[in-house]
């Protein structure tokens, strides 16, 4: 693998959970949080996780054990919904909706949606 230096105009996009924890926040130029109702998240996670286990029930149980406790702690301690500059409702994967945008980003978002 050959490493290349990114140009100054390059965009680095990081996707993952728990990225708005206090220790990481200073490193982000822009933060976007995708939110979905618990039932939607559980159904998607169960579906994805069952591929790693011998049965659908085993995969769903394991995902629920990890996801529930991890998300509860994360939301309680990090409060990602308050930290995100852009908040998107991702319940419908085919039609995500903006729920909130920080004031300083409004002109940019309006331009994108025009």
C-alpha atoms as a PDB file:
ATOM      1  CA  UNK A   1       0.000   0.000   0.000  1.00  0.00           C
ATOM      2  CA  UNK A   2       1.314   3.411  -0.978  1.00  0.00           C
ATOM      3  CA  UNK A   3       0.572   6.341   1.305  1.00  0.00           C
ATOM      4  CA  UNK A   4      -0.253   9.681  -0.257  1.00  0.00           C
ATOM      5  CA  UNK A   5      -0.372  13.091   1.306  1.00  0.00           C
ATOM      6  CA  UNK A   6      -3.830  14.654   1.141  1.00  0.00           C
ATOM      7  CA  UNK A   7      -4.215  18.015  -0.537  1.00  0.00           C
ATOM      8  CA  UNK A   8      -5.154  21.049   1.532  1.00  0.00           C
ATOM      9  CA  UNK A   9      -8.630  20.987  -0.010  1.00  0.00           C
ATOM     10  CA  UNK A  10      -9.226  17.309   0.839  1.00  0.00           C
ATOM     11  CA  UNK A  11     -12.079  16.302   3.090  1.00  0.00           C
ATOM     12  CA  UNK A  12     -11.602  13.592   5.676  1.00  0.00           C
ATOM     13  CA  UNK A  13     -14.878  11.994   6.672  1.00  0.00           C
ATOM     14  CA  UNK A  14     -15.025   9.844   9.803  1.00  0.00           C
ATOM     15  CA  UNK A  15     -18.022   7.594  10.341  1.00  0.00           C
ATOM     16  CA  UNK A  16     -18.660   5.695  13.539  1.00  0.00           C
ATOM     17  CA  UNK A  17     -20.322   5.615  16.888  1.00  0.00           C
ATOM     18  CA  UNK A  18     -19.192   7.482  19.998  1.00  0.00           C
ATOM     19  CA  UNK A  19     -17.337  10.115  17.936  1.00  0.00           C
ATOM     20  CA  UNK A  20     -18.769  13.077  19.836  1.00  0.00           C
ATOM     21  CA  UNK A  21     -17.192  12.113  23.125  1.00  0.00           C
ATOM     22  CA  UNK A  22     -15.505  15.087  24.837  1.00  0.00           C
ATOM     23  CA  UNK A  23     -11.970  13.862  24.139  1.00  0.00           C
ATOM     24  CA  UNK A  24     -12.613  13.733  20.389  1.00  0.00           C
ATOM     25  CA  UNK A  25     -14.703  16.880  19.867  1.00  0.00           C
ATOM     26  CA  UNK A  26     -11.766  19.304  19.620  1.00  0.00           C
ATOM     27  CA  UNK A  27     -10.520  17.461  16.534  1.00  0.00           C
ATOM     28  CA  UNK A  28     -13.643  17.853  14.392  1.00  0.00           C
ATOM     29  CA  UNK A  29     -14.231  20.833  12.109  1.00  0.00           C
ATOM     30  CA  UNK A  30     -17.848  19.851  11.532  1.00  0.00           C
ATOM     31  CA  UNK A  31     -20.044  17.346  13.339  1.00  0.00           C
ATOM     32  CA  UNK A  32     -23.104  15.573  11.958  1.00  0.00           C
ATOM     33  CA  UNK A  33     -25.223  13.237  14.039  1.00  0.00           C
ATOM     34  CA  UNK A  34     -27.616  10.762  12.443  1.00  0.00           C
ATOM     35  CA  UNK A  35     -30.396   9.812  14.806  1.00  0.00           C
ATOM     36  CA  UNK A  36     -33.023   7.108  14.532  1.00  0.00           C
ATOM     37  CA  UNK A  37     -35.713   5.888  16.872  1.00  0.00           C
ATOM     38  CA  UNK A  38     -34.688   3.006  19.086  1.00  0.00           C
ATOM     39  CA  UNK A  39     -36.900   0.489  17.257  1.00  0.00           C
ATOM     40  CA  UNK A  40     -35.409   1.415  13.860  1.00  0.00           C
ATOM     41  CA  UNK A  41     -31.867   1.171  15.213  1.00  0.00           C
ATOM     42  CA  UNK A  42     -32.540  -2.161  16.867  1.00  0.00           C
ATOM     43  CA  UNK A  43     -34.097  -3.671  13.736  1.00  0.00           C
ATOM     44  CA  UNK A  44     -31.165  -2.529  11.554  1.00  0.00           C
ATOM     45  CA  UNK A  45     -28.577  -3.647  14.080  1.00  0.00           C
ATOM     46  CA  UNK A  46     -30.216  -7.009  14.601  1.00  0.00           C
ATOM     47  CA  UNK A  47     -30.292  -7.573  10.860  1.00  0.00           C
ATOM     48  CA  UNK A  48     -26.632  -6.644  10.403  1.00  0.00           C
ATOM     49  CA  UNK A  49     -25.443  -8.496  13.485  1.00  0.00           C
ATOM     50  CA  UNK A  50     -27.146 -11.815  12.729  1.00  0.00           C
ATOM     51  CA  UNK A  51     -24.665 -12.411   9.909  1.00  0.00           C
ATOM     52  CA  UNK A  52     -21.917 -12.831  12.530  1.00  0.00           C
ATOM     53  CA  UNK A  53     -23.734 -15.428  14.640  1.00  0.00           C
ATOM     54  CA  UNK A  54     -25.130 -18.903  14.129  1.00  0.00           C
ATOM     55  CA  UNK A  55     -28.729 -17.843  14.709  1.00  0.00           C
ATOM     56  CA  UNK A  56     -30.804 -14.724  14.258  1.00  0.00           C
ATOM     57  CA  UNK A  57     -31.849 -14.808  17.920  1.00  0.00           C
ATOM     58  CA  UNK A  58     -28.249 -15.091  19.139  1.00  0.00           C
ATOM     59  CA  UNK A  59     -27.151 -12.167  16.975  1.00  0.00           C
ATOM     60  CA  UNK A  60     -30.092 -10.011  18.049  1.00  0.00           C
ATOM     61  CA  UNK A  61     -29.519 -10.761  21.724  1.00  0.00           C
ATOM     62  CA  UNK A  62     -25.829  -9.921  21.497  1.00  0.00           C
ATOM     63  CA  UNK A  63     -26.480  -6.697  19.604  1.00  0.00           C
ATOM     64  CA  UNK A  64     -29.100  -5.590  22.130  1.00  0.00           C
ATOM     65  CA  UNK A  65     -26.763  -6.269  25.057  1.00  0.00           C
ATOM     66  CA  UNK A  66     -23.994  -4.161  23.552  1.00  0.00           C
ATOM     67  CA  UNK A  67     -26.054  -1.475  21.846  1.00  0.00           C
ATOM     68  CA  UNK A  68     -28.443  -0.669  24.691  1.00  0.00           C
ATOM     69  CA  UNK A  69     -25.857  -0.181  27.393  1.00  0.00           C
ATOM     70  CA  UNK A  70     -23.339   1.549  25.134  1.00  0.00           C
ATOM     71  CA  UNK A  71     -25.860   4.050  23.771  1.00  0.00           C
ATOM     72  CA  UNK A  72     -27.302   4.808  27.215  1.00  0.00           C
ATOM     73  CA  UNK A  73     -23.861   5.602  28.615  1.00  0.00           C
ATOM     74  CA  UNK A  74     -22.848   7.592  25.532  1.00  0.00           C
ATOM     75  CA  UNK A  75     -25.973   9.756  25.502  1.00  0.00           C
ATOM     76  CA  UNK A  76     -25.825  10.295  29.258  1.00  0.00           C
ATOM     77  CA  UNK A  77     -22.150  11.241  29.387  1.00  0.00           C
ATOM     78  CA  UNK A  78     -21.378  12.776  25.993  1.00  0.00           C
ATOM     79  CA  UNK A  79     -24.771  14.277  25.056  1.00  0.00           C
ATOM     80  CA  UNK A  80     -24.093  14.012  21.301  1.00  0.00           C
ATOM     81  CA  UNK A  81     -27.438  15.530  20.299  1.00  0.00           C
ATOM     82  CA  UNK A  82     -26.375  18.784  21.963  1.00  0.00           C
ATOM     83  CA  UNK A  83     -22.887  18.751  20.433  1.00  0.00           C
ATOM     84  CA  UNK A  84     -23.709  17.994  16.803  1.00  0.00           C
ATOM     85  CA  UNK A  85     -23.731  20.967  14.463  1.00  0.00           C
ATOM     86  CA  UNK A  86     -26.062  19.167  12.079  1.00  0.00           C
ATOM     87  CA  UNK A  87     -28.712  16.756  13.328  1.00  0.00           C
ATOM     88  CA  UNK A  88     -30.391  14.410  10.841  1.00  0.00           C
ATOM     89  CA  UNK A  89     -33.394  12.124  11.341  1.00  0.00           C
ATOM     90  CA  UNK A  90     -32.355   8.851   9.726  1.00  0.00           C
ATOM     91  CA  UNK A  91     -35.436   6.753  10.493  1.00  0.00           C
ATOM     92  CA  UNK A  92     -36.258   6.525   6.789  1.00  0.00           C
ATOM     93  CA  UNK A  93     -33.062   5.583   4.969  1.00  0.00           C
ATOM     94  CA  UNK A  94     -34.598   6.675   1.672  1.00  0.00           C
ATOM     95  CA  UNK A  95     -35.550  10.142   2.941  1.00  0.00           C
ATOM     96  CA  UNK A  96     -33.409  11.516   5.789  1.00  0.00           C
ATOM     97  CA  UNK A  97     -34.546  14.874   7.222  1.00  0.00           C
ATOM     98  CA  UNK A  98     -32.676  17.784   8.734  1.00  0.00           C
ATOM     99  CA  UNK A  99     -33.768  18.199  12.350  1.00  0.00           C
ATOM    100  CA  UNK A 100     -31.413  20.978  13.250  1.00  0.00           C
ATOM    101  CA  UNK A 101     -28.526  23.024  11.978  1.00  0.00           C
ATOM    102  CA  UNK A 102     -26.417  25.419  14.041  1.00  0.00           C
ATOM    103  CA  UNK A 103     -26.952  29.063  13.097  1.00  0.00           C
ATOM    104  CA  UNK A 104     -23.494  29.570  11.590  1.00  0.00           C
ATOM    105  CA  UNK A 105     -24.190  26.770   9.068  1.00  0.00           C
ATOM    106  CA  UNK A 106     -27.667  27.883   7.961  1.00  0.00           C
ATOM    107  CA  UNK A 107     -26.520  29.793   4.828  1.00  0.00           C
ATOM    108  CA  UNK A 108     -24.423  26.825   3.701  1.00  0.00           C
ATOM    109  CA  UNK A 109     -27.262  24.332   4.180  1.00  0.00           C
ATOM    110  CA  UNK A 110     -29.778  26.628   2.490  1.00  0.00           C
ATOM    111  CA  UNK A 111     -27.422  26.861  -0.502  1.00  0.00           C
ATOM    112  CA  UNK A 112     -27.138  23.054  -0.686  1.00  0.00           C
ATOM    113  CA  UNK A 113     -30.896  22.590  -0.554  1.00  0.00           C
ATOM    114  CA  UNK A 114     -31.690  25.302  -3.123  1.00  0.00           C
END
